[in-house]
Protein backbone atom coordinates (compact mmCIF):
# COMPACT_ATOMS: atom_id res chain seq x y z
CA MET A 1 7.09 14.40 -22.27
CA ALA A 2 5.15 17.58 -21.44
CA SER A 3 3.99 18.09 -17.86
CA GLN A 4 0.33 18.05 -18.90
CA ASP A 5 0.84 14.72 -20.68
CA VAL A 6 2.57 13.31 -17.62
CA LEU A 7 -0.36 14.46 -15.46
CA SER A 8 -2.89 12.94 -17.85
CA GLN A 9 -1.12 9.57 -18.01
CA THR A 10 -0.44 9.57 -14.27
CA THR A 11 -4.10 10.12 -13.42
CA ARG A 12 -5.02 7.35 -15.84
CA LEU A 13 -2.55 5.08 -14.09
CA ALA A 14 -3.87 6.02 -10.65
CA SER A 15 -7.54 5.70 -11.59
CA SER A 16 -7.01 2.43 -13.45
CA SER A 17 -5.01 1.05 -10.54
CA ALA A 18 -7.71 2.16 -8.12
CA LEU A 19 -10.43 0.53 -10.21
CA LEU A 20 -8.30 -2.58 -10.49
CA GLN A 21 -7.85 -2.71 -6.73
CA VAL A 22 -11.60 -2.29 -6.21
CA LEU A 23 -12.29 -5.28 -8.47
CA PHE A 24 -9.57 -7.29 -6.72
CA ARG A 25 -10.94 -6.56 -3.30
CA VAL A 26 -14.53 -7.34 -4.30
CA VAL A 27 -13.38 -10.75 -5.53
CA THR A 28 -11.06 -11.47 -2.60
CA PHE A 29 -13.58 -10.03 -0.14
CA GLY A 30 -16.15 -12.63 -1.19
CA LEU A 31 -13.65 -15.47 -1.43
CA ASN A 32 -12.13 -14.71 1.98
CA ALA A 33 -15.57 -14.53 3.57
CA PHE A 34 -16.21 -17.96 2.06
CA THR A 35 -12.92 -19.53 3.22
CA LEU A 36 -13.35 -18.17 6.77
CA ARG A 37 -16.03 -20.81 7.26
CA TYR A 38 -13.48 -23.58 6.57
CA LEU A 39 -10.36 -22.38 8.41
CA SER A 40 -9.32 -21.85 12.00
CA ARG A 41 -8.33 -18.47 13.41
CA GLU A 42 -4.89 -19.90 14.18
CA LEU A 43 -4.23 -20.91 10.57
CA ILE A 44 -5.32 -17.47 9.36
CA GLY A 45 -3.02 -15.85 11.91
CA VAL A 46 0.03 -17.85 10.81
CA VAL A 47 -0.57 -17.26 7.09
CA ASN A 48 -1.63 -13.62 7.15
CA VAL A 49 0.74 -12.44 9.88
CA ARG A 50 3.77 -14.73 10.20
CA LEU A 51 4.29 -15.97 6.61
CA THR A 52 3.04 -12.87 4.82
CA LEU A 53 5.41 -10.80 6.98
CA LEU A 54 8.31 -12.97 5.79
CA TYR A 55 7.35 -12.45 2.14
CA SER A 56 6.69 -8.71 2.42
CA THR A 57 9.91 -8.11 4.37
CA VAL A 58 12.06 -9.88 1.78
CA VAL A 59 10.56 -8.09 -1.25
CA PHE A 60 10.50 -4.72 0.50
CA LEU A 61 14.12 -4.83 1.64
CA ALA A 62 15.28 -6.19 -1.71
CA ARG A 63 13.47 -3.84 -4.09
CA GLU A 64 11.88 -0.77 -2.50
CA ALA A 65 15.06 1.36 -2.55
CA PHE A 66 15.80 0.37 -6.16
CA ARG A 67 12.28 1.32 -7.24
CA ARG A 68 12.52 4.75 -5.60
CA ALA A 69 15.91 5.52 -7.11
CA CYS A 70 15.27 4.15 -10.61
CA LEU A 71 11.89 5.88 -11.00
CA SER A 72 13.35 9.29 -10.11
CA GLY A 73 14.06 11.75 -12.90
CA SER A 74 13.52 11.49 -16.64
CA THR A 75 13.02 8.32 -18.66
CA LYS A 76 15.90 9.55 -20.87
CA ARG A 77 18.79 7.79 -19.17
CA ASN A 78 21.25 4.97 -19.74
CA TRP A 79 18.73 2.18 -19.27
CA THR A 80 21.41 -0.51 -19.59
CA LYS A 81 23.02 0.69 -16.35
CA THR A 82 19.62 1.11 -14.67
CA ILE A 83 18.64 -2.45 -15.63
CA ASN A 84 21.98 -3.72 -14.33
CA LEU A 85 21.28 -1.98 -11.04
CA LEU A 86 17.78 -3.46 -10.86
CA TRP A 87 19.11 -7.00 -11.29
CA LEU A 88 20.98 -6.58 -8.01
CA THR A 89 17.58 -7.00 -6.34
CA PHE A 90 17.72 -10.73 -7.13
CA PRO A 91 20.88 -11.69 -5.15
CA LEU A 92 19.77 -9.29 -2.42
CA GLY A 93 16.42 -11.10 -2.31
CA VAL A 94 18.14 -14.50 -2.12
CA PHE A 95 20.22 -13.29 0.83
CA TRP A 96 17.26 -11.86 2.74
CA SER A 97 15.11 -14.90 1.98
CA ILE A 98 17.69 -17.35 3.35
CA PHE A 99 18.61 -15.21 6.35
CA LEU A 100 15.03 -14.40 7.38
CA GLY A 101 13.86 -17.93 6.55
CA LEU A 102 16.33 -19.32 9.09
CA VAL A 103 15.09 -16.80 11.65
CA TRP A 104 11.45 -17.80 11.00
CA LEU A 105 12.31 -21.50 11.29
CA HIS A 106 14.67 -21.57 14.26
CA LEU A 107 14.26 -18.43 16.38
CA LEU A 108 10.48 -17.85 16.35
CA GLU A 109 7.78 -19.85 18.09
CA VAL A 110 6.63 -22.76 15.93
CA PRO A 111 2.84 -23.31 15.77
CA ASP A 112 1.31 -26.52 17.09
CA PRO A 113 1.47 -28.99 14.13
CA SER A 114 -1.95 -30.42 15.09
CA VAL A 115 -3.54 -26.96 14.64
CA VAL A 116 -1.33 -25.49 11.88
CA PRO A 117 0.38 -28.31 9.95
CA HIS A 118 3.33 -27.97 7.51
CA TYR A 119 4.77 -24.74 8.94
CA GLN A 120 8.30 -25.43 7.65
CA ALA A 121 7.06 -25.94 4.09
CA GLY A 122 5.15 -22.65 4.35
CA VAL A 123 8.28 -20.72 5.33
CA VAL A 124 10.26 -22.17 2.41
CA ALA A 125 7.45 -21.51 -0.08
CA PHE A 126 6.84 -17.89 0.95
CA GLY A 127 10.58 -17.15 0.92
CA LEU A 128 10.89 -18.72 -2.54
CA SER A 129 7.91 -16.74 -3.81
CA ALA A 130 9.67 -13.49 -2.90
CA ILE A 131 12.73 -14.53 -4.93
CA ILE A 132 10.58 -15.45 -7.95
CA GLU A 133 8.78 -12.10 -7.84
CA LEU A 134 12.11 -10.22 -7.88
CA LEU A 135 12.89 -11.79 -11.28
CA GLY A 136 10.29 -9.44 -12.74
CA GLU A 137 11.65 -6.25 -11.16
CA PRO A 138 13.39 -4.78 -14.27
CA PHE A 139 10.19 -5.34 -16.26
CA TRP A 140 8.04 -3.69 -13.57
CA VAL A 141 10.22 -0.59 -13.33
CA LEU A 142 10.36 -0.17 -17.12
CA ALA A 143 6.59 -0.48 -17.33
CA GLN A 144 6.00 1.94 -14.45
CA ALA A 145 8.49 4.52 -15.76
CA HIS A 146 6.79 4.52 -19.17
CA LEU A 147 3.29 4.48 -17.67
CA PHE A 148 2.12 1.16 -19.15
CA VAL A 149 -1.32 1.26 -17.56
CA ARG A 150 -2.89 -1.79 -19.18
CA LEU A 151 0.06 -4.07 -18.42
CA LYS A 152 -0.14 -3.45 -14.69
CA VAL A 153 -3.92 -3.89 -14.70
CA ILE A 154 -3.84 -7.16 -16.62
CA ALA A 155 -0.86 -8.67 -14.75
CA GLU A 156 -2.16 -7.96 -11.27
CA SER A 157 -5.73 -8.93 -12.22
CA LEU A 158 -4.74 -12.34 -13.52
CA SER A 159 -2.35 -13.11 -10.67
CA VAL A 160 -4.65 -12.11 -7.82
CA VAL A 161 -7.75 -13.76 -9.27
CA SER A 162 -5.78 -16.94 -10.06
CA LYS A 163 -4.48 -17.07 -6.50
CA CYS A 164 -7.95 -16.60 -5.01
CA ILE A 165 -9.56 -19.27 -7.20
CA LEU A 166 -6.81 -21.80 -6.46
CA THR A 167 -7.07 -21.08 -2.71
CA VAL A 168 -10.83 -21.63 -2.65
CA ILE A 169 -10.60 -24.87 -4.66
CA LEU A 170 -7.91 -26.30 -2.38
CA VAL A 171 -9.66 -25.15 0.81
CA VAL A 172 -12.90 -26.84 -0.23
CA LEU A 173 -11.34 -30.06 -1.58
CA TYR A 174 -8.33 -30.52 0.71
CA PRO A 175 -8.81 -28.51 3.94
CA GLN A 176 -6.48 -30.93 5.77
CA TRP A 177 -3.53 -29.71 3.69
CA GLY A 178 -3.15 -26.68 5.98
CA LEU A 179 -0.31 -24.41 4.93
CA TYR A 180 0.30 -26.40 1.72
CA ILE A 181 -2.81 -24.66 0.35
CA PHE A 182 -1.50 -21.15 0.87
CA SER A 183 2.05 -22.08 -0.15
CA LEU A 184 0.90 -23.37 -3.54
CA ALA A 185 -1.40 -20.38 -4.03
CA GLN A 186 1.41 -17.91 -3.20
CA LEU A 187 3.86 -19.57 -5.61
CA PHE A 188 1.18 -19.64 -8.32
CA TYR A 189 0.46 -15.93 -7.74
CA VAL A 190 4.04 -14.71 -8.20
CA SER A 191 4.62 -17.05 -11.17
CA VAL A 192 1.60 -15.67 -13.03
CA LEU A 193 2.59 -12.09 -12.16
CA VAL A 194 6.15 -12.42 -13.48
CA MET A 195 5.07 -14.35 -16.59
CA CYS A 196 2.57 -11.62 -17.52
CA TYR A 197 5.35 -9.01 -17.58
CA VAL A 198 7.77 -11.28 -19.45
CA ILE A 199 5.22 -12.27 -22.11
CA TYR A 200 4.17 -8.63 -22.59
CA PHE A 201 7.73 -7.45 -23.23
CA VAL A 202 8.46 -10.42 -25.52
CA MET A 203 5.54 -9.29 -27.68
CA PHE A 204 6.14 -5.55 -27.29
CA LEU A 205 9.89 -5.22 -27.94
CA GLY A 206 10.64 -4.92 -31.64
CA SER A 207 7.00 -4.24 -32.49
CA PRO A 208 5.91 -1.18 -34.54
CA GLU A 209 4.40 0.32 -31.38
CA ALA A 210 7.75 0.14 -29.57
CA THR A 211 9.50 1.74 -32.55
CA LYS A 212 6.89 4.50 -32.72
CA LYS A 213 7.37 5.29 -29.02
CA SER A 214 11.19 5.21 -29.38
CA PHE A 215 11.30 2.70 -26.54
CA PRO A 216 14.83 2.63 -25.06
CA VAL A 217 15.08 -1.18 -25.06
CA ALA A 218 14.99 -3.01 -28.39
CA ARG A 219 15.54 -6.71 -27.48
CA MET A 220 14.78 -9.03 -24.60
CA LYS A 221 18.52 -9.64 -24.26
CA ALA A 222 18.88 -5.99 -23.26
CA LEU A 223 16.72 -6.70 -20.19
CA LEU A 224 19.40 -9.03 -18.85
CA PRO A 225 22.55 -7.81 -17.06
CA ASN A 226 25.04 -6.42 -19.59
CA LEU A 227 28.73 -5.57 -19.25
CA MET A 228 29.80 -2.49 -21.23
CA GLU A 229 33.35 -1.89 -22.37
CA ASP A 230 35.13 1.10 -20.80
CA GLU A 231 32.05 1.93 -18.72
CA THR A 232 30.91 1.19 -15.19
CA PHE A 233 28.42 -1.62 -14.61
CA VAL A 234 25.88 0.72 -12.98
CA ASN A 235 25.17 4.44 -12.73
CA TRP A 236 26.90 5.31 -9.45
CA LYS A 237 24.65 8.30 -8.84
CA GLU A 238 21.63 6.00 -8.95
CA ALA A 239 23.50 3.43 -6.85
CA TRP A 240 24.27 5.91 -4.05
CA LEU A 241 20.69 7.19 -4.15
CA THR A 242 19.56 3.57 -3.86
CA TRP A 243 21.75 3.11 -0.80
CA SER A 244 20.19 6.19 0.82
CA PHE A 245 16.71 4.89 0.08
CA PHE A 246 17.68 1.42 1.31
CA LYS A 247 18.56 2.77 4.76
CA GLN A 248 15.25 4.61 4.74
CA SER A 249 13.25 1.64 3.41
CA PHE A 250 14.58 -0.59 6.18
CA LEU A 251 13.16 1.82 8.75
CA LYS A 252 9.98 2.41 6.77
CA GLN A 253 9.32 -1.34 6.71
CA ILE A 254 9.56 -1.46 10.49
CA LEU A 255 7.06 1.41 10.73
CA THR A 256 4.73 -0.03 8.06
CA GLU A 257 4.64 -3.58 9.45
CA GLY A 258 5.57 -2.68 13.04
CA GLU A 259 2.63 -4.34 14.72
CA ARG A 260 3.31 -7.60 12.86
CA TYR A 261 6.93 -7.56 13.98
CA VAL A 262 5.82 -7.00 17.58
CA MET A 263 3.29 -9.84 17.30
CA THR A 264 5.83 -12.14 15.66
CA PHE A 265 8.89 -11.52 17.80
CA LEU A 266 7.41 -10.56 21.19
CA ASN A 267 4.39 -12.96 21.28
CA VAL A 268 2.02 -10.36 22.74
CA LEU A 269 -0.95 -12.08 21.02
CA ASN A 270 -1.62 -15.76 20.39
CA PHE A 271 -2.07 -17.00 16.81
CA GLY A 272 -5.89 -16.91 17.08
CA ASP A 273 -5.95 -13.26 18.20
CA GLN A 274 -3.43 -12.45 15.48
CA GLY A 275 -5.84 -13.98 12.97
CA VAL A 276 -8.75 -11.80 14.12
CA TYR A 277 -6.55 -8.70 14.18
CA ASP A 278 -5.32 -9.39 10.65
CA ILE A 279 -8.83 -9.90 9.27
CA VAL A 280 -10.00 -6.63 10.81
CA ASN A 281 -6.82 -4.93 9.64
CA ASN A 282 -7.40 -6.13 6.07
CA LEU A 283 -11.02 -4.95 6.14
CA GLY A 284 -10.02 -1.59 7.56
CA SER A 285 -7.23 -1.07 5.04
CA LEU A 286 -9.31 -1.87 1.95
CA VAL A 287 -9.58 1.78 0.95
CA ALA A 288 -5.92 2.43 1.76
CA ARG A 289 -4.92 -0.35 -0.61
CA PHE A 290 -7.32 0.21 -3.49
CA ILE A 291 -7.37 4.03 -3.51
CA PHE A 292 -4.56 5.59 -1.48
CA LEU A 293 -1.74 3.26 -2.55
CA PRO A 294 -2.38 3.62 -6.33
CA ILE A 295 -2.54 7.41 -5.88
CA GLU A 296 0.74 7.40 -3.93
CA GLU A 297 2.58 5.16 -6.41
CA SER A 298 1.33 6.95 -9.52
CA PHE A 299 1.75 10.54 -8.35
CA TYR A 300 5.21 9.79 -6.97
CA VAL A 301 6.10 9.20 -10.63
CA PHE A 302 4.32 12.45 -11.61
CA PHE A 303 6.10 14.65 -9.08
CA ALA A 304 9.47 12.99 -9.79
CA LYS A 305 9.07 13.68 -13.53
CA VAL A 306 7.64 17.22 -13.35
CA LEU A 307 9.99 18.63 -10.67
CA GLU A 308 13.73 18.04 -10.41
CA ARG A 309 14.99 16.34 -7.27
CA GLY A 310 17.17 18.49 -5.02
CA LYS A 311 16.33 21.86 -6.64
CA ASN A 312 14.49 24.57 -4.70
CA VAL A 313 11.25 26.05 -5.97
CA LYS A 314 12.90 29.13 -7.58
CA ASP A 315 15.19 26.98 -9.77
CA GLN A 316 12.33 24.88 -11.17
CA LYS A 317 10.27 25.72 -14.25
CA GLN A 318 7.52 27.91 -12.86
CA ASP A 319 4.79 26.38 -15.02
CA ASP A 320 5.73 22.97 -13.65
CA VAL A 321 5.76 24.34 -10.08
CA ALA A 322 2.27 25.78 -10.58
CA MET A 323 0.94 22.47 -11.90
CA ALA A 324 2.62 20.43 -9.14
CA ALA A 325 1.29 22.76 -6.41
CA ASN A 326 -2.23 22.62 -7.82
CA VAL A 327 -2.17 18.83 -8.15
CA LEU A 328 -0.77 18.43 -4.61
CA GLU A 329 -3.46 20.69 -3.15
CA LEU A 330 -6.26 18.80 -4.89
CA LEU A 331 -4.81 15.39 -4.00
CA LEU A 332 -4.65 16.39 -0.34
CA LYS A 333 -8.26 17.55 -0.47
CA LEU A 334 -9.35 14.34 -2.21
CA VAL A 335 -7.72 11.92 0.25
CA LEU A 336 -8.76 14.07 3.23
CA LEU A 337 -12.44 13.87 2.25
CA ILE A 338 -12.22 10.14 1.60
CA GLY A 339 -10.54 9.63 4.97
CA LEU A 340 -13.08 11.79 6.84
CA THR A 341 -15.95 9.90 5.22
CA ILE A 342 -14.53 6.55 6.30
CA THR A 343 -13.81 7.80 9.83
CA VAL A 344 -17.32 9.20 10.34
CA PHE A 345 -19.32 6.35 8.85
CA GLY A 346 -16.92 3.57 9.85
CA TYR A 347 -17.56 4.19 13.53
CA ALA A 348 -21.28 3.37 13.36
CA TYR A 349 -21.07 0.49 10.88
CA SER A 350 -18.04 -1.50 12.08
CA GLN A 351 -19.97 -4.10 14.07
CA LEU A 352 -22.52 -4.65 11.30
CA ALA A 353 -19.79 -5.06 8.68
CA LEU A 354 -17.92 -7.64 10.75
CA ASP A 355 -21.09 -9.56 11.59
CA ILE A 356 -22.03 -9.84 7.91
CA TYR A 357 -18.49 -10.70 6.85
CA GLY A 358 -17.39 -13.27 9.40
CA GLY A 359 -20.24 -13.86 11.80
CA SER A 360 -19.83 -13.92 15.56
CA MET A 361 -16.16 -14.94 15.26
CA LEU A 362 -15.42 -11.33 14.25
CA SER A 363 -18.35 -9.26 15.56
CA ALA A 364 -17.99 -10.52 19.15
CA GLY A 365 -15.15 -9.39 21.40
CA THR A 366 -12.70 -6.71 20.35
CA GLY A 367 -13.40 -6.92 16.61
CA PRO A 368 -15.81 -3.93 16.33
CA ASP A 369 -13.63 -1.68 18.49
CA LEU A 370 -10.63 -2.62 16.38
CA LEU A 371 -12.40 -1.64 13.18
CA ARG A 372 -13.68 1.62 14.70
CA CYS A 373 -10.13 2.60 15.64
CA TYR A 374 -8.94 1.58 12.21
CA SER A 375 -11.49 3.94 10.65
CA LEU A 376 -9.66 6.80 12.35
CA TYR A 377 -6.29 5.39 11.31
CA VAL A 378 -7.40 5.44 7.65
CA LEU A 379 -7.58 9.24 7.87
CA PHE A 380 -3.93 9.34 8.95
CA LEU A 381 -2.99 6.89 6.18
CA ALA A 382 -4.73 9.05 3.59
CA ILE A 383 -2.87 12.23 4.41
CA ASN A 384 0.49 10.54 4.99
CA GLY A 385 0.44 8.77 1.63
CA VAL A 386 0.18 11.96 -0.42
CA THR A 387 2.48 14.13 1.72
CA GLU A 388 5.24 11.49 1.75
CA CYS A 389 4.70 10.85 -1.96
CA PHE A 390 5.59 14.49 -2.71
CA THR A 391 8.37 14.67 -0.10
CA PHE A 392 10.20 11.53 -1.27
CA ALA A 393 9.95 12.62 -4.92
CA LEU A 394 11.74 15.92 -4.20
CA MET A 395 14.26 15.10 -1.45
CA CYS A 396 17.92 15.16 -2.47
CA LYS A 397 20.33 12.49 -1.25
CA GLU A 398 21.44 14.56 1.77
CA GLU A 399 17.85 15.20 2.82
CA VAL A 400 17.05 11.50 2.47
CA ASP A 401 20.03 10.67 4.69
CA ARG A 402 18.92 13.19 7.33
CA TYR A 403 15.40 11.81 7.25
CA ASN A 404 16.81 8.35 7.91
CA PHE A 405 17.88 9.48 11.37
CA VAL A 406 14.35 10.76 12.02
CA MET A 407 12.96 7.39 10.90
CA LEU A 408 15.42 5.55 13.13
CA ALA A 409 14.24 7.41 16.23
CA LEU A 410 10.61 7.04 15.15
CA SER A 411 11.02 3.30 14.58
CA PHE A 412 12.38 2.73 18.07
CA THR A 413 9.68 4.92 19.64
CA PHE A 414 6.94 3.19 17.66
CA LEU A 415 8.02 -0.30 18.69
CA CYS A 416 8.19 0.71 22.36
CA ILE A 417 4.77 2.39 22.25
CA SER A 418 3.27 -0.63 20.42
CA TYR A 419 4.57 -3.00 23.08
CA PHE A 420 3.26 -0.98 26.04
CA LEU A 421 -0.09 -0.01 24.44
CA THR A 422 -0.72 -3.65 23.55
CA HIS A 423 -0.20 -4.72 27.16
CA TRP A 424 -2.50 -1.90 28.24
CA HIS A 425 -5.30 -2.22 25.67
CA GLY A 426 -4.73 -5.44 23.72
CA SER A 427 -4.66 -5.43 19.92
CA ILE A 428 -6.27 -1.95 19.81
CA GLY A 429 -2.92 -0.68 21.11
CA PHE A 430 -1.35 -1.50 17.76
CA ILE A 431 -3.72 0.82 15.92
CA LEU A 432 -3.25 3.63 18.45
CA ALA A 433 0.53 3.30 18.06
CA ASN A 434 0.15 3.42 14.27
CA CYS A 435 -1.87 6.63 14.57
CA PHE A 436 0.97 8.18 16.60
CA ASN A 437 3.52 6.96 14.05
CA MET A 438 1.58 8.38 11.09
CA GLY A 439 0.98 11.66 12.90
CA ILE A 440 4.72 12.23 13.34
CA ARG A 441 5.44 11.33 9.70
CA ILE A 442 2.68 13.65 8.49
CA ALA A 443 4.08 16.50 10.59
CA HIS A 444 7.54 16.00 9.05
CA SER A 445 6.18 15.93 5.48
CA ILE A 446 3.97 18.99 6.05
CA HIS A 447 7.00 20.88 7.40
CA TYR A 448 8.98 19.91 4.27
CA ILE A 449 6.17 20.97 1.91
CA TYR A 450 5.70 24.28 3.75
CA ASP A 451 9.43 25.06 3.54
CA TYR A 452 9.56 24.06 -0.13
CA PHE A 453 6.77 26.42 -1.22
CA LYS A 454 7.28 29.27 1.26
CA GLU A 455 9.32 31.31 -1.25
CA SER A 456 6.58 30.99 -3.87
CA THR A 457 3.00 32.19 -4.06
CA TYR A 458 1.61 28.66 -3.93
CA ARG A 459 0.07 27.16 -0.77
CA PRO A 460 -0.88 23.55 -1.55
CA LEU A 461 -1.37 22.71 2.15
CA THR A 462 -4.70 24.57 2.02
CA GLY A 463 -5.95 21.28 0.58
CA LEU A 464 -6.06 20.05 4.19
CA LEU A 465 -8.77 22.59 5.06
CA PRO A 466 -12.25 21.35 4.07
CA SER A 467 -15.28 23.63 3.82
CA PRO A 468 -16.71 24.52 7.28
CA PHE A 469 -20.21 23.65 6.07
CA LEU A 470 -19.00 20.21 4.95
CA VAL A 471 -17.39 19.65 8.38
CA LEU A 472 -20.76 20.48 9.97
CA VAL A 473 -22.48 17.88 7.76
CA TYR A 474 -19.89 15.30 8.82
CA ILE A 475 -20.56 16.02 12.50
CA ILE A 476 -24.35 15.75 12.06
CA SER A 477 -23.96 12.50 10.08
CA GLY A 478 -21.74 11.03 12.79
CA VAL A 479 -24.27 11.85 15.52
CA ILE A 480 -27.22 10.45 13.56
CA THR A 481 -25.52 7.20 12.53
CA GLY A 482 -24.10 6.70 16.04
CA PHE A 483 -27.58 7.05 17.53
CA SER A 484 -28.96 4.71 14.84
CA GLU A 485 -26.41 2.02 15.77
CA VAL A 486 -27.42 2.13 19.44
CA VAL A 487 -31.12 1.85 18.62
CA PHE A 488 -31.18 -0.54 15.64
CA CYS A 489 -27.95 -2.58 15.54
CA CYS A 490 -27.02 -5.34 15.60
CA ASP A 491 -29.00 -7.96 17.54
CA LYS A 492 -32.53 -6.77 16.75
CA GLY A 493 -33.10 -8.60 13.47
CA TRP A 494 -32.68 -7.78 9.82
CA VAL A 495 -35.46 -5.18 9.70
CA ALA A 496 -33.66 -3.08 12.30
CA ARG A 497 -30.41 -3.58 10.43
CA LEU A 498 -31.98 -2.36 7.19
CA ILE A 499 -33.26 0.75 8.98
CA HIS A 500 -29.74 1.37 10.30
CA ILE A 501 -28.32 0.95 6.79
CA SER A 502 -30.98 3.31 5.37
CA MET A 503 -30.09 6.01 7.90
CA GLY A 504 -26.44 5.72 6.88
CA THR A 505 -27.32 5.86 3.21
CA LEU A 506 -29.28 9.09 3.65
CA CYS A 507 -26.47 10.71 5.65
CA PHE A 508 -23.90 9.57 3.12
CA ALA A 509 -25.97 10.99 0.25
CA ALA A 510 -26.26 14.32 2.08
CA THR A 511 -22.48 14.36 2.56
CA ILE A 512 -21.80 13.68 -1.12
CA VAL A 513 -24.24 16.39 -2.26
CA THR A 514 -22.55 18.86 0.10
CA MET A 515 -19.15 17.91 -1.36
CA PHE A 516 -20.36 18.65 -4.88
CA CYS A 517 -21.67 22.05 -3.77
CA THR A 518 -18.69 23.17 -1.66
CA GLU A 519 -15.64 21.55 -3.29
CA THR A 520 -16.22 22.53 -6.92
CA LYS A 521 -12.50 22.85 -7.80
CA LEU A 522 -11.85 19.29 -6.63
CA ILE A 523 -14.88 17.92 -8.47
CA HIS A 524 -13.70 19.59 -11.69
CA PHE A 525 -10.21 18.07 -11.26
CA VAL A 526 -11.60 14.55 -10.70
CA ARG A 527 -13.93 14.85 -13.69
CA SER A 528 -11.34 16.34 -16.06
CA GLN A 529 -8.50 13.96 -15.16
């Protein structure tokens, strides 16, 4: 597949995924705001922190390394061996689910049954849901490697919307069920997700479309583990790369979910405070999930296909290097501007957003300060996603192994800083520690990118330098909206709130117009792709 075609399909995948995530979050945003009126903070804390951490840890440790390794390089490979390797995620998931489930049941603090009933059933259900989701891993990797945009959109749409609808129905009709509600919804979610992929491939394989595309798998039986005569069960090069990524993914999971591990294992916050923190965290990370994550996932595939892993810039095809450098520069500029916009406007509108979303339960206390800090953290998330996306797509096995030692030291430092900052400044300490963590990771990735391109004429890191005039507009907008919040928000009635919103709208419009005038190259890229 030509590089330009890969770029075109990758941007379609990223934009479709981003649009999909926007629709998801609009639906779940409204449904969660509705269910907040029926649930206690403690129940939310147990579900969204304790049980979701169990699920995310199992699936991350079981599949992340396999995804990284099996999506690297060309789609022209021995897919039978790759599929065999991917099926190893299932027994690995069973092991992690049982091991971590026992930890969650017997070593961690158990919630008060009168406040959060059916905790044991919740642990079993969330662990089982992780195992069920891993059954679809070979299908997901095949679809992602061949850029099946519609499949991902449809599967995730149906599963997320189904989960939300079932949750709302059960919360309204049977609020006394407690964790049974979220256990059933989680199992329903993963079942729908896996079935969507299975049904799609049942219909696709053997069809004229599959034949036309020369799809490497002809029958559903080929998607099951297969023993080949006189050949190894897996591609050992992929297997060793998977092992390198596994060591890295273990550390990355600690860094990604570090604050939840600290909350879960060190009990620095009670379940109610964990619930408030998680709600604010979810609100603050909306953009990271529906824009930054699809960009990172999709363009990891792009960079891995266009450039060869482990080769320096002089040994690559120069046309591909030029395209990759240009795309990287524009992606950095895009996520930087999105992050700056959220940081500037998020500061003045955090309290209003929380008051509208969850009432005084969220807007009183530390909630607004949490969301303000998270607005700054989003900027770090934005830059880190793209820089690590490029770095991980190009690192050879030895570089991945060396980076693992960096991640090990960073993981230990992050956990220590999280613990001490939380004792010093409560839940805000988690976000400050995350900013430090992301800053170090960004510095490492920037150093890698600089070294990679230093022997060429390309300087993609200039994407991190916005127009000075645009920076000035950001500063003016921040001052105006900050003053507006002090004067008009948020206990002076709806008229004052509307004035505050209007001031923000005008400043935001001025910022967008300035972007169109000063960042013409980026605007052309977004429009054309």
